[in-house]
PDB file of N, CA and C in Angstrom:
ATOM      1  N   MET A   1       8.997  -3.806 -26.881  1.00  0.00           N
ATOM      2  CA  MET A   1       8.061  -4.514 -27.020  1.00  0.00           C
ATOM      3  C   MET A   1       8.295  -5.224 -28.103  1.00  0.00           C
ATOM      4  N   HIS A   2       9.478  -5.062 -29.128  1.00  0.00           N
ATOM      5  CA  HIS A   2       9.857  -5.926 -30.139  1.00  0.00           C
ATOM      6  C   HIS A   2      10.615  -6.942 -29.378  1.00  0.00           C
ATOM      7  N   ASP A   3      11.410  -6.778 -28.785  1.00  0.00           N
ATOM      8  CA  ASP A   3      11.912  -7.849 -27.831  1.00  0.00           C
ATOM      9  C   ASP A   3      11.311  -8.952 -27.402  1.00  0.00           C
ATOM     10  N   ILE A   4      10.221  -8.462 -26.687  1.00  0.00           N
ATOM     11  CA  ILE A   4       9.445  -9.309 -26.046  1.00  0.00           C
ATOM     12  C   ILE A   4       8.645 -10.395 -26.961  1.00  0.00           C
ATOM     13  N   THR A   5       8.290  -9.642 -28.102  1.00  0.00           N
ATOM     14  CA  THR A   5       7.333 -10.082 -29.190  1.00  0.00           C
ATOM     15  C   THR A   5       8.274 -11.501 -29.255  1.00  0.00           C
ATOM     16  N   ASP A   6       9.629 -10.831 -29.796  1.00  0.00           N
ATOM     17  CA  ASP A   6      10.425 -12.232 -30.350  1.00  0.00           C
ATOM     18  C   ASP A   6      10.485 -13.303 -29.190  1.00  0.00           C
ATOM     19  N   LEU A   7      11.137 -12.943 -28.049  1.00  0.00           N
ATOM     20  CA  LEU A   7      11.124 -13.927 -27.043  1.00  0.00           C
ATOM     21  C   LEU A   7      10.015 -14.718 -26.895  1.00  0.00           C
ATOM     22  N   GLU A   8       8.742 -14.082 -27.111  1.00  0.00           N
ATOM     23  CA  GLU A   8       7.781 -15.448 -26.471  1.00  0.00           C
ATOM     24  C   GLU A   8       7.583 -15.992 -28.072  1.00  0.00           C
ATOM     25  N   GLY A   9       7.781 -15.441 -29.229  1.00  0.00           N
ATOM     26  CA  GLY A   9       7.825 -16.321 -30.327  1.00  0.00           C
ATOM     27  C   GLY A   9       9.050 -17.289 -30.538  1.00  0.00           C
ATOM     28  N   ARG A  10       9.431 -17.417 -29.802  1.00  0.00           N
ATOM     29  CA  ARG A  10      10.849 -18.298 -29.536  1.00  0.00           C
ATOM     30  C   ARG A  10      10.281 -19.254 -28.321  1.00  0.00           C
ATOM     31  N   GLY A  11       9.556 -19.179 -27.668  1.00  0.00           N
ATOM     32  CA  GLY A  11       9.249 -19.885 -26.479  1.00  0.00           C
ATOM     33  C   GLY A  11       9.493 -19.408 -25.248  1.00  0.00           C
ATOM     34  N   ILE A  12      10.178 -18.312 -25.334  1.00  0.00           N
ATOM     35  CA  ILE A  12      10.882 -17.736 -23.736  1.00  0.00           C
ATOM     36  C   ILE A  12      10.068 -16.424 -23.262  1.00  0.00           C
ATOM     37  N   PRO A  13       9.665 -16.838 -22.317  1.00  0.00           N
ATOM     38  CA  PRO A  13       8.803 -16.093 -21.608  1.00  0.00           C
ATOM     39  C   PRO A  13       9.638 -14.708 -21.471  1.00  0.00           C
ATOM     40  N   GLY A  14       8.818 -13.484 -21.515  1.00  0.00           N
ATOM     41  CA  GLY A  14       9.028 -12.160 -21.457  1.00  0.00           C
ATOM     42  C   GLY A  14       8.128 -11.313 -20.726  1.00  0.00           C
ATOM     43  N   VAL A  15       8.847 -10.049 -20.245  1.00  0.00           N
ATOM     44  CA  VAL A  15       7.928  -9.150 -19.431  1.00  0.00           C
ATOM     45  C   VAL A  15       8.250  -7.778 -19.882  1.00  0.00           C
ATOM     46  N   GLY A  16       7.315  -6.831 -20.510  1.00  0.00           N
ATOM     47  CA  GLY A  16       8.158  -5.354 -20.690  1.00  0.00           C
ATOM     48  C   GLY A  16       8.103  -4.854 -19.497  1.00  0.00           C
ATOM     49  N   VAL A  17       9.063  -3.935 -18.942  1.00  0.00           N
ATOM     50  CA  VAL A  17       8.664  -3.083 -18.048  1.00  0.00           C
ATOM     51  C   VAL A  17       9.573  -1.355 -18.448  1.00  0.00           C
ATOM     52  N   ALA A  18       8.072  -0.919 -18.128  1.00  0.00           N
ATOM     53  CA  ALA A  18       8.281   0.429 -18.763  1.00  0.00           C
ATOM     54  C   ALA A  18       7.725   1.642 -17.428  1.00  0.00           C
ATOM     55  N   SER A  19       7.963   2.782 -17.662  1.00  0.00           N
ATOM     56  CA  SER A  19       7.356   3.836 -17.277  1.00  0.00           C
ATOM     57  C   SER A  19       6.144   4.029 -17.239  1.00  0.00           C
ATOM     58  N   THR A  20       5.251   4.697 -16.455  1.00  0.00           N
ATOM     59  CA  THR A  20       3.866   4.768 -16.748  1.00  0.00           C
ATOM     60  C   THR A  20       3.430   5.825 -17.601  1.00  0.00           C
ATOM     61  N   ALA A  21       4.542   6.648 -17.974  1.00  0.00           N
ATOM     62  CA  ALA A  21       4.688   7.798 -19.333  1.00  0.00           C
ATOM     63  C   ALA A  21       4.246   6.976 -20.412  1.00  0.00           C
ATOM     64  N   PHE A  22       4.651   5.330 -20.458  1.00  0.00           N
ATOM     65  CA  PHE A  22       4.711   4.831 -22.127  1.00  0.00           C
ATOM     66  C   PHE A  22       3.460   3.965 -22.201  1.00  0.00           C
ATOM     67  N   THR A  23       2.443   4.051 -21.110  1.00  0.00           N
ATOM     68  CA  THR A  23       1.283   3.094 -21.302  1.00  0.00           C
ATOM     69  C   THR A  23       0.623   3.026 -22.513  1.00  0.00           C
ATOM     70  N   GLU A  24       0.309   3.976 -23.201  1.00  0.00           N
ATOM     71  CA  GLU A  24      -0.194   4.364 -24.352  1.00  0.00           C
ATOM     72  C   GLU A  24       0.480   4.013 -25.380  1.00  0.00           C
ATOM     73  N   ALA A  25       1.790   4.248 -25.427  1.00  0.00           N
ATOM     74  CA  ALA A  25       2.824   3.932 -26.453  1.00  0.00           C
ATOM     75  C   ALA A  25       2.720   2.429 -26.499  1.00  0.00           C
ATOM     76  N   ALA A  26       2.674   1.711 -25.351  1.00  0.00           N
ATOM     77  CA  ALA A  26       2.542   0.372 -25.193  1.00  0.00           C
ATOM     78  C   ALA A  26       1.620  -0.613 -25.952  1.00  0.00           C
ATOM     79  N   ALA A  27       0.587  -0.119 -25.316  1.00  0.00           N
ATOM     80  CA  ALA A  27      -0.797  -0.243 -25.933  1.00  0.00           C
ATOM     81  C   ALA A  27      -0.623  -0.326 -27.452  1.00  0.00           C
ATOM     82  N   ALA A  28      -0.383   0.719 -28.088  1.00  0.00           N
ATOM     83  CA  ALA A  28      -0.290   1.196 -29.515  1.00  0.00           C
ATOM     84  C   ALA A  28       0.628   0.283 -30.420  1.00  0.00           C
ATOM     85  N   GLN A  29       1.682  -0.100 -29.644  1.00  0.00           N
ATOM     86  CA  GLN A  29       2.898  -1.264 -30.134  1.00  0.00           C
ATOM     87  C   GLN A  29       2.161  -2.176 -30.114  1.00  0.00           C
ATOM     88  N   ALA A  30       1.376  -2.792 -28.799  1.00  0.00           N
ATOM     89  CA  ALA A  30       0.476  -4.386 -29.218  1.00  0.00           C
ATOM     90  C   ALA A  30      -0.450  -4.410 -30.388  1.00  0.00           C
ATOM     91  N   VAL A  31      -1.141  -3.323 -30.533  1.00  0.00           N
ATOM     92  CA  VAL A  31      -1.876  -3.201 -31.525  1.00  0.00           C
ATOM     93  C   VAL A  31      -1.261  -3.400 -32.694  1.00  0.00           C
ATOM     94  N   SER A  32      -0.022  -2.731 -32.698  1.00  0.00           N
ATOM     95  CA  SER A  32       0.472  -2.640 -34.268  1.00  0.00           C
ATOM     96  C   SER A  32       1.383  -3.878 -34.612  1.00  0.00           C
ATOM     97  N   LEU A  33       1.706  -4.642 -33.676  1.00  0.00           N
ATOM     98  CA  LEU A  33       2.657  -5.768 -33.414  1.00  0.00           C
ATOM     99  C   LEU A  33       1.346  -7.319 -33.743  1.00  0.00           C
ATOM    100  N   GLY A  34       0.457  -6.661 -33.029  1.00  0.00           N
ATOM    101  CA  GLY A  34      -0.376  -8.054 -32.877  1.00  0.00           C
ATOM    102  C   GLY A  34      -0.347  -9.040 -31.930  1.00  0.00           C
ATOM    103  N   PHE A  35       0.403  -8.053 -30.782  1.00  0.00           N
ATOM    104  CA  PHE A  35       0.886  -9.151 -29.841  1.00  0.00           C
ATOM    105  C   PHE A  35       1.042  -8.580 -28.720  1.00  0.00           C
ATOM    106  N   ASP A  36      -0.109  -8.921 -27.815  1.00  0.00           N
ATOM    107  CA  ASP A  36      -0.384  -7.865 -26.450  1.00  0.00           C
ATOM    108  C   ASP A  36       0.288  -8.494 -24.953  1.00  0.00           C
ATOM    109  N   ALA A  37       1.832  -8.273 -25.445  1.00  0.00           N
ATOM    110  CA  ALA A  37       2.980  -8.454 -24.297  1.00  0.00           C
ATOM    111  C   ALA A  37       2.386  -8.130 -22.810  1.00  0.00           C
ATOM    112  N   PRO A  38       2.921  -9.127 -22.022  1.00  0.00           N
ATOM    113  CA  PRO A  38       2.764  -9.054 -20.771  1.00  0.00           C
ATOM    114  C   PRO A  38       3.686  -7.520 -20.266  1.00  0.00           C
ATOM    115  N   MET A  39       2.863  -6.882 -19.332  1.00  0.00           N
ATOM    116  CA  MET A  39       3.768  -5.346 -19.172  1.00  0.00           C
ATOM    117  C   MET A  39       3.834  -4.962 -17.997  1.00  0.00           C
ATOM    118  N   VAL A  40       4.572  -4.460 -16.893  1.00  0.00           N
ATOM    119  CA  VAL A  40       4.744  -4.019 -15.759  1.00  0.00           C
ATOM    120  C   VAL A  40       5.093  -2.725 -15.924  1.00  0.00           C
ATOM    121  N   PHE A  41       4.189  -1.566 -15.530  1.00  0.00           N
ATOM    122  CA  PHE A  41       4.532  -0.245 -15.494  1.00  0.00           C
ATOM    123  C   PHE A  41       5.122   0.228 -14.224  1.00  0.00           C
ATOM    124  N   VAL A  42       6.352   1.107 -14.024  1.00  0.00           N
ATOM    125  CA  VAL A  42       7.004   1.852 -12.892  1.00  0.00           C
ATOM    126  C   VAL A  42       6.507   2.926 -12.741  1.00  0.00           C
ATOM    127  N   GLN A  43       6.325   3.841 -11.719  1.00  0.00           N
ATOM    128  CA  GLN A  43       6.326   5.113 -11.566  1.00  0.00           C
ATOM    129  C   GLN A  43       7.350   5.746 -12.418  1.00  0.00           C
ATOM    130  N   HIS A  44       6.698   6.772 -13.114  1.00  0.00           N
ATOM    131  CA  HIS A  44       7.527   7.762 -14.075  1.00  0.00           C
ATOM    132  C   HIS A  44       8.050   9.256 -13.131  1.00  0.00           C
ATOM    133  N   PRO A  45       8.961  10.024 -12.991  1.00  0.00           N
ATOM    134  CA  PRO A  45      10.075   9.658 -14.206  1.00  0.00           C
ATOM    135  C   PRO A  45      11.111   8.560 -13.634  1.00  0.00           C
ATOM    136  N   ILE A  46      12.038   8.173 -14.661  1.00  0.00           N
ATOM    137  CA  ILE A  46      12.805   7.397 -13.723  1.00  0.00           C
ATOM    138  C   ILE A  46      14.210   7.814 -13.921  1.00  0.00           C
ATOM    139  N   GLN A  47      14.590   8.436 -15.126  1.00  0.00           N
ATOM    140  CA  GLN A  47      15.953   9.272 -15.911  1.00  0.00           C
ATOM    141  C   GLN A  47      16.858  10.129 -14.369  1.00  0.00           C
ATOM    142  N   ASP A  48      15.837  10.532 -13.634  1.00  0.00           N
ATOM    143  CA  ASP A  48      16.675  11.432 -12.743  1.00  0.00           C
ATOM    144  C   ASP A  48      16.978  10.820 -11.173  1.00  0.00           C
ATOM    145  N   ARG A  49      16.604   9.208 -11.132  1.00  0.00           N
ATOM    146  CA  ARG A  49      16.454   8.653 -10.102  1.00  0.00           C
ATOM    147  C   ARG A  49      17.907   8.201  -9.470  1.00  0.00           C
ATOM    148  N   SER A  50      17.987   8.152  -8.083  1.00  0.00           N
ATOM    149  CA  SER A  50      19.371   7.793  -7.699  1.00  0.00           C
ATOM    150  C   SER A  50      19.155   6.169  -7.792  1.00  0.00           C
ATOM    151  N   ASP A  51      20.168   5.653  -7.491  1.00  0.00           N
ATOM    152  CA  ASP A  51      20.628   3.955  -7.801  1.00  0.00           C
ATOM    153  C   ASP A  51      19.676   3.860  -6.601  1.00  0.00           C
ATOM    154  N   ASP A  52      19.667   4.013  -5.363  1.00  0.00           N
ATOM    155  CA  ASP A  52      18.771   3.502  -4.290  1.00  0.00           C
ATOM    156  C   ASP A  52      17.214   3.553  -4.758  1.00  0.00           C
ATOM    157  N   GLU A  53      17.016   4.862  -5.373  1.00  0.00           N
ATOM    158  CA  GLU A  53      15.635   4.967  -5.746  1.00  0.00           C
ATOM    159  C   GLU A  53      15.487   4.026  -7.024  1.00  0.00           C
ATOM    160  N   MET A  54      16.045   3.676  -8.020  1.00  0.00           N
ATOM    161  CA  MET A  54      15.927   2.781  -8.888  1.00  0.00           C
ATOM    162  C   MET A  54      15.811   1.228  -8.074  1.00  0.00           C
ATOM    163  N   ARG A  55      16.680   1.143  -7.301  1.00  0.00           N
ATOM    164  CA  ARG A  55      16.112  -0.372  -6.590  1.00  0.00           C
ATOM    165  C   ARG A  55      15.182  -0.716  -6.201  1.00  0.00           C
ATOM    166  N   ALA A  56      14.649   0.385  -5.093  1.00  0.00           N
ATOM    167  CA  ALA A  56      13.346   0.429  -4.655  1.00  0.00           C
ATOM    168  C   ALA A  56      12.232   0.531  -5.781  1.00  0.00           C
ATOM    169  N   LEU A  57      12.282   1.125  -6.932  1.00  0.00           N
ATOM    170  CA  LEU A  57      11.310   0.901  -7.831  1.00  0.00           C
ATOM    171  C   LEU A  57      11.219  -0.798  -8.330  1.00  0.00           C
ATOM    172  N   ALA A  58      12.714  -0.948  -8.869  1.00  0.00           N
ATOM    173  CA  ALA A  58      12.560  -2.753  -8.959  1.00  0.00           C
ATOM    174  C   ALA A  58      11.920  -3.702  -7.919  1.00  0.00           C
ATOM    175  N   GLU A  59      12.234  -3.318  -7.015  1.00  0.00           N
ATOM    176  CA  GLU A  59      12.166  -4.116  -5.622  1.00  0.00           C
ATOM    177  C   GLU A  59      10.398  -4.257  -5.295  1.00  0.00           C
ATOM    178  N   ALA A  60       9.810  -2.860  -5.840  1.00  0.00           N
ATOM    179  CA  ALA A  60       8.493  -3.021  -5.423  1.00  0.00           C
ATOM    180  C   ALA A  60       7.744  -3.601  -7.072  1.00  0.00           C
ATOM    181  N   ALA A  61       8.538  -3.784  -8.367  1.00  0.00           N
ATOM    182  CA  ALA A  61       7.898  -4.238  -9.186  1.00  0.00           C
ATOM    183  C   ALA A  61       7.984  -5.762  -8.927  1.00  0.00           C
ATOM    184  N   TYR A  62       8.887  -6.360  -8.513  1.00  0.00           N
ATOM    185  CA  TYR A  62       9.447  -7.680  -8.732  1.00  0.00           C
ATOM    186  C   TYR A  62       8.387  -8.367  -8.798  1.00  0.00           C
ATOM    187  N   ASP A  63       7.487  -8.687  -7.528  1.00  0.00           N
ATOM    188  CA  ASP A  63       6.754  -9.726  -7.742  1.00  0.00           C
ATOM    189  C   ASP A  63       5.627 -10.028  -9.128  1.00  0.00           C
ATOM    190  N   GLU A  64       5.338  -8.538  -9.323  1.00  0.00           N
ATOM    191  CA  GLU A  64       4.302  -8.316 -10.324  1.00  0.00           C
ATOM    192  C   GLU A  64       5.331  -8.648 -11.911  1.00  0.00           C
ATOM    193  N   ILE A  65       6.151  -8.661 -12.010  1.00  0.00           N
ATOM    194  CA  ILE A  65       7.204  -9.007 -12.745  1.00  0.00           C
ATOM    195  C   ILE A  65       7.162 -10.383 -12.869  1.00  0.00           C
ATOM    196  N   VAL A  66       7.435 -11.145 -11.903  1.00  0.00           N
ATOM    197  CA  VAL A  66       7.657 -12.899 -11.617  1.00  0.00           C
ATOM    198  C   VAL A  66       6.289 -13.452 -11.986  1.00  0.00           C
ATOM    199  N   ALA A  67       5.214 -12.597 -11.546  1.00  0.00           N
ATOM    200  CA  ALA A  67       3.793 -13.345 -11.586  1.00  0.00           C
ATOM    201  C   ALA A  67       3.317 -13.296 -13.022  1.00  0.00           C
ATOM    202  N   ARG A  68       3.865 -12.114 -14.010  1.00  0.00           N
ATOM    203  CA  ARG A  68       3.453 -12.163 -15.223  1.00  0.00           C
ATOM    204  C   ARG A  68       4.623 -12.812 -16.089  1.00  0.00           C
ATOM    205  N   VAL A  69       5.583 -13.200 -15.757  1.00  0.00           N
ATOM    206  CA  VAL A  69       6.506 -13.946 -17.161  1.00  0.00           C
ATOM    207  C   VAL A  69       6.127 -15.541 -16.618  1.00  0.00           C
ATOM    208  N   SER A  70       5.563 -15.708 -15.259  1.00  0.00           N
ATOM    209  CA  SER A  70       5.023 -17.004 -14.880  1.00  0.00           C
ATOM    210  C   SER A  70       3.756 -17.530 -15.802  1.00  0.00           C
ATOM    211  N   GLN A  71       2.903 -16.671 -15.890  1.00  0.00           N
ATOM    212  CA  GLN A  71       1.906 -16.564 -17.130  1.00  0.00           C
ATOM    213  C   GLN A  71       2.069 -16.738 -18.245  1.00  0.00           C
ATOM    214  N   SER A  72       3.228 -16.430 -18.700  1.00  0.00           N
ATOM    215  CA  SER A  72       3.390 -16.564 -20.097  1.00  0.00           C
ATOM    216  C   SER A  72       3.546 -17.792 -20.769  1.00  0.00           C
TER     217      SER A  72
END
């Protein structure tokens, strides 16, 4: 969240990507930083996924990520 805030502050569009387990943490960070960064949440968990499963998650989120970075 800090990285997205920094990028946006420098005029560089950014989108945070996290798993669904971190929706509340992202919201709390947004309040703390005073910046509601665009976020995309993917299915949790991710740590035990194979490379193919990670690619599938990324491909499924791609359009939403592009849409949100385009809105920044």
